PDB file of N, CA and C in Angstrom:
ATOM      1  N   UNK A   1     246.453  22.156  27.528  1.00  0.00           N
ATOM      2  CA  UNK A   1     247.310  20.875  27.065  1.00  0.00           C
ATOM      3  C   UNK A   1     248.862  21.199  27.638  1.00  0.00           C
ATOM      4  N   UNK A   2     249.509  19.825  28.068  1.00  0.00           N
ATOM      5  CA  UNK A   2     250.542  19.930  28.378  1.00  0.00           C
ATOM      6  C   UNK A   2     251.990  19.239  27.479  1.00  0.00           C
ATOM      7  N   UNK A   3     252.739  20.199  27.334  1.00  0.00           N
ATOM      8  CA  UNK A   3     253.785  19.972  26.420  1.00  0.00           C
ATOM      9  C   UNK A   3     254.933  20.382  27.173  1.00  0.00           C
ATOM     10  N   UNK A   4     256.270  19.095  27.082  1.00  0.00           N
ATOM     11  CA  UNK A   4     257.650  19.720  27.524  1.00  0.00           C
ATOM     12  C   UNK A   4     257.697  20.304  28.910  1.00  0.00           C
ATOM     13  N   UNK A   5     256.873  19.456  29.779  1.00  0.00           N
ATOM     14  CA  UNK A   5     256.655  20.124  31.030  1.00  0.00           C
ATOM     15  C   UNK A   5     255.976  21.166  31.638  1.00  0.00           C
ATOM     16  N   UNK A   6     255.112  21.719  30.621  1.00  0.00           N
ATOM     17  CA  UNK A   6     254.513  23.009  30.944  1.00  0.00           C
ATOM     18  C   UNK A   6     253.191  23.169  30.273  1.00  0.00           C
ATOM     19  N   UNK A   7     251.719  23.351  31.339  1.00  0.00           N
ATOM     20  CA  UNK A   7     250.464  23.524  30.786  1.00  0.00           C
ATOM     21  C   UNK A   7     250.497  24.961  30.220  1.00  0.00           C
ATOM     22  N   UNK A   8     249.737  24.659  28.720  1.00  0.00           N
ATOM     23  CA  UNK A   8     249.213  25.468  28.102  1.00  0.00           C
ATOM     24  C   UNK A   8     247.772  25.781  28.274  1.00  0.00           C
ATOM     25  N   UNK A   9     247.598  27.206  28.285  1.00  0.00           N
ATOM     26  CA  UNK A   9     245.989  27.448  28.640  1.00  0.00           C
ATOM     27  C   UNK A   9     245.528  28.467  27.483  1.00  0.00           C
ATOM     28  N   UNK A  10     244.443  28.258  26.286  1.00  0.00           N
ATOM     29  CA  UNK A  10     244.288  28.997  25.328  1.00  0.00           C
ATOM     30  C   UNK A  10     242.703  29.425  25.807  1.00  0.00           C
ATOM     31  N   UNK A  11     242.173  30.343  26.039  1.00  0.00           N
ATOM     32  CA  UNK A  11     241.133  31.139  26.331  1.00  0.00           C
ATOM     33  C   UNK A  11     240.828  32.530  25.630  1.00  0.00           C
ATOM     34  N   UNK A  12     239.017  32.597  25.354  1.00  0.00           N
ATOM     35  CA  UNK A  12     238.737  34.049  24.654  1.00  0.00           C
ATOM     36  C   UNK A  12     238.798  35.026  25.739  1.00  0.00           C
ATOM     37  N   UNK A  13     239.456  36.135  25.238  1.00  0.00           N
ATOM     38  CA  UNK A  13     239.763  37.531  26.276  1.00  0.00           C
ATOM     39  C   UNK A  13     239.441  38.541  25.232  1.00  0.00           C
ATOM     40  N   UNK A  14     238.884  39.538  25.811  1.00  0.00           N
ATOM     41  CA  UNK A  14     238.674  41.215  25.104  1.00  0.00           C
ATOM     42  C   UNK A  14     240.011  41.725  26.366  1.00  0.00           C
ATOM     43  N   UNK A  15     241.060  42.120  25.209  1.00  0.00           N
ATOM     44  CA  UNK A  15     241.637  43.013  26.243  1.00  0.00           C
ATOM     45  C   UNK A  15     241.239  44.478  26.475  1.00  0.00           C
ATOM     46  N   UNK A  16     240.276  45.008  25.857  1.00  0.00           N
ATOM     47  CA  UNK A  16     240.089  46.134  25.867  1.00  0.00           C
ATOM     48  C   UNK A  16     238.722  46.432  26.765  1.00  0.00           C
ATOM     49  N   UNK A  17     238.164  45.239  27.449  1.00  0.00           N
ATOM     50  CA  UNK A  17     237.019  45.609  28.544  1.00  0.00           C
ATOM     51  C   UNK A  17     236.210  44.303  28.299  1.00  0.00           C
ATOM     52  N   UNK A  18     235.007  44.366  29.301  1.00  0.00           N
ATOM     53  CA  UNK A  18     234.573  43.457  30.118  1.00  0.00           C
ATOM     54  C   UNK A  18     233.318  43.261  29.092  1.00  0.00           C
ATOM     55  N   UNK A  19     233.215  43.502  28.082  1.00  0.00           N
ATOM     56  CA  UNK A  19     232.241  43.337  27.066  1.00  0.00           C
ATOM     57  C   UNK A  19     232.480  42.676  25.669  1.00  0.00           C
ATOM     58  N   UNK A  20     231.636  42.061  24.925  1.00  0.00           N
ATOM     59  CA  UNK A  20     231.236  41.530  23.582  1.00  0.00           C
ATOM     60  C   UNK A  20     232.822  42.163  22.687  1.00  0.00           C
ATOM     61  N   UNK A  21     233.331  41.765  22.133  1.00  0.00           N
ATOM     62  CA  UNK A  21     233.989  42.412  20.910  1.00  0.00           C
ATOM     63  C   UNK A  21     235.505  42.480  20.906  1.00  0.00           C
ATOM     64  N   UNK A  22     236.399  42.533  20.217  1.00  0.00           N
ATOM     65  CA  UNK A  22     237.854  42.432  19.668  1.00  0.00           C
ATOM     66  C   UNK A  22     238.506  41.302  20.972  1.00  0.00           C
ATOM     67  N   UNK A  23     237.316  40.350  20.539  1.00  0.00           N
ATOM     68  CA  UNK A  23     237.963  38.931  21.287  1.00  0.00           C
ATOM     69  C   UNK A  23     239.038  38.328  20.476  1.00  0.00           C
ATOM     70  N   UNK A  24     240.025  38.349  21.781  1.00  0.00           N
ATOM     71  CA  UNK A  24     241.480  36.994  21.005  1.00  0.00           C
ATOM     72  C   UNK A  24     241.805  35.925  21.565  1.00  0.00           C
ATOM     73  N   UNK A  25     242.463  34.959  21.480  1.00  0.00           N
ATOM     74  CA  UNK A  25     242.461  33.522  21.944  1.00  0.00           C
ATOM     75  C   UNK A  25     243.862  33.812  22.689  1.00  0.00           C
ATOM     76  N   UNK A  26     243.184  34.044  24.446  1.00  0.00           N
ATOM     77  CA  UNK A  26     244.585  34.351  25.127  1.00  0.00           C
ATOM     78  C   UNK A  26     245.699  33.132  25.033  1.00  0.00           C
ATOM     79  N   UNK A  27     246.554  33.439  25.628  1.00  0.00           N
ATOM     80  CA  UNK A  27     247.274  31.994  26.200  1.00  0.00           C
ATOM     81  C   UNK A  27     248.352  32.281  27.488  1.00  0.00           C
ATOM     82  N   UNK A  28     248.370  31.362  28.244  1.00  0.00           N
ATOM     83  CA  UNK A  28     249.013  31.605  29.446  1.00  0.00           C
ATOM     84  C   UNK A  28     249.741  30.041  29.766  1.00  0.00           C
ATOM     85  N   UNK A  29     250.912  30.322  30.808  1.00  0.00           N
ATOM     86  CA  UNK A  29     251.526  28.907  30.993  1.00  0.00           C
ATOM     87  C   UNK A  29     252.013  29.002  31.948  1.00  0.00           C
ATOM     88  N   UNK A  30     252.279  27.797  32.667  1.00  0.00           N
ATOM     89  CA  UNK A  30     251.735  27.290  33.971  1.00  0.00           C
ATOM     90  C   UNK A  30     252.125  26.161  34.113  1.00  0.00           C
ATOM     91  N   UNK A  31     254.237  25.888  35.395  1.00  0.00           N
ATOM     92  CA  UNK A  31     253.663  24.704  35.737  1.00  0.00           C
ATOM     93  C   UNK A  31     253.453  23.666  36.948  1.00  0.00           C
ATOM     94  N   UNK A  32     252.434  24.358  37.546  1.00  0.00           N
ATOM     95  CA  UNK A  32     251.780  23.531  38.279  1.00  0.00           C
ATOM     96  C   UNK A  32     250.666  24.085  38.432  1.00  0.00           C
ATOM     97  N   UNK A  33     249.139  24.865  37.647  1.00  0.00           N
ATOM     98  CA  UNK A  33     248.411  25.175  37.392  1.00  0.00           C
ATOM     99  C   UNK A  33     247.521  25.587  38.388  1.00  0.00           C
ATOM    100  N   UNK A  34     248.620  26.430  39.323  1.00  0.00           N
ATOM    101  CA  UNK A  34     248.471  27.463  40.309  1.00  0.00           C
ATOM    102  C   UNK A  34     248.796  28.261  39.854  1.00  0.00           C
ATOM    103  N   UNK A  35     249.850  28.750  39.224  1.00  0.00           N
ATOM    104  CA  UNK A  35     250.566  30.523  39.148  1.00  0.00           C
ATOM    105  C   UNK A  35     250.542  30.261  37.445  1.00  0.00           C
ATOM    106  N   UNK A  36     249.899  31.293  37.208  1.00  0.00           N
ATOM    107  CA  UNK A  36     249.976  31.505  35.550  1.00  0.00           C
ATOM    108  C   UNK A  36     250.859  32.873  35.063  1.00  0.00           C
ATOM    109  N   UNK A  37     251.222  32.372  33.790  1.00  0.00           N
ATOM    110  CA  UNK A  37     252.294  33.672  33.267  1.00  0.00           C
ATOM    111  C   UNK A  37     251.683  34.055  31.603  1.00  0.00           C
ATOM    112  N   UNK A  38     250.833  35.313  31.875  1.00  0.00           N
ATOM    113  CA  UNK A  38     250.187  35.422  30.415  1.00  0.00           C
ATOM    114  C   UNK A  38     251.174  35.729  29.907  1.00  0.00           C
ATOM    115  N   UNK A  39     250.770  35.414  28.432  1.00  0.00           N
ATOM    116  CA  UNK A  39     251.681  35.397  26.877  1.00  0.00           C
ATOM    117  C   UNK A  39     251.176  36.314  26.086  1.00  0.00           C
ATOM    118  N   UNK A  40     251.719  36.464  24.757  1.00  0.00           N
ATOM    119  CA  UNK A  40     250.871  37.260  24.098  1.00  0.00           C
ATOM    120  C   UNK A  40     249.686  36.587  22.993  1.00  0.00           C
ATOM    121  N   UNK A  41     248.983  37.340  23.031  1.00  0.00           N
ATOM    122  CA  UNK A  41     247.122  35.749  22.532  1.00  0.00           C
ATOM    123  C   UNK A  41     248.238  35.568  21.249  1.00  0.00           C
ATOM    124  N   UNK A  42     247.529  34.169  21.278  1.00  0.00           N
ATOM    125  CA  UNK A  42     248.001  33.004  19.959  1.00  0.00           C
ATOM    126  C   UNK A  42     247.480  33.489  19.046  1.00  0.00           C
ATOM    127  N   UNK A  43     246.067  33.968  18.446  1.00  0.00           N
ATOM    128  CA  UNK A  43     245.096  34.375  17.435  1.00  0.00           C
ATOM    129  C   UNK A  43     244.833  35.789  17.944  1.00  0.00           C
ATOM    130  N   UNK A  44     244.647  36.340  17.221  1.00  0.00           N
ATOM    131  CA  UNK A  44     244.076  38.018  17.045  1.00  0.00           C
ATOM    132  C   UNK A  44     242.751  38.134  15.216  1.00  0.00           C
ATOM    133  N   UNK A  45     241.965  38.252  15.876  1.00  0.00           N
ATOM    134  CA  UNK A  45     240.744  38.475  15.361  1.00  0.00           C
ATOM    135  C   UNK A  45     241.002  38.939  13.887  1.00  0.00           C
ATOM    136  N   UNK A  46     240.968  39.119  12.321  1.00  0.00           N
ATOM    137  CA  UNK A  46     241.232  39.406  11.673  1.00  0.00           C
ATOM    138  C   UNK A  46     240.515  40.707  10.828  1.00  0.00           C
ATOM    139  N   UNK A  47     241.431  41.008   9.639  1.00  0.00           N
ATOM    140  CA  UNK A  47     240.767  42.483   9.794  1.00  0.00           C
ATOM    141  C   UNK A  47     239.859  41.804   8.441  1.00  0.00           C
ATOM    142  N   UNK A  48     238.506  42.580   8.436  1.00  0.00           N
ATOM    143  CA  UNK A  48     237.724  42.273   7.840  1.00  0.00           C
ATOM    144  C   UNK A  48     237.394  43.731   7.026  1.00  0.00           C
ATOM    145  N   UNK A  49     238.088  44.476   6.813  1.00  0.00           N
ATOM    146  CA  UNK A  49     237.838  45.600   5.903  1.00  0.00           C
ATOM    147  C   UNK A  49     238.290  45.179   4.606  1.00  0.00           C
ATOM    148  N   UNK A  50     237.401  45.806   3.622  1.00  0.00           N
ATOM    149  CA  UNK A  50     237.817  45.569   1.835  1.00  0.00           C
ATOM    150  C   UNK A  50     238.405  46.237   1.517  1.00  0.00           C
ATOM    151  N   UNK A  51     239.457  46.490   0.451  1.00  0.00           N
ATOM    152  CA  UNK A  51     239.779  47.289   0.124  1.00  0.00           C
ATOM    153  C   UNK A  51     239.934  47.194  -1.763  1.00  0.00           C
TER     154      UNK A  51
END
């Protein structure tokens, strides 16, 4: 996505390892599509616990 002169990239990422699980939608930005700055994840997994 390109917004106000900045490219935004959203991608699935597991910050805790290279295996499936704990997936977040990560968010990085760039002005040149070569150098990217990682930001806080855009979406975290929901808590599926029941109370």
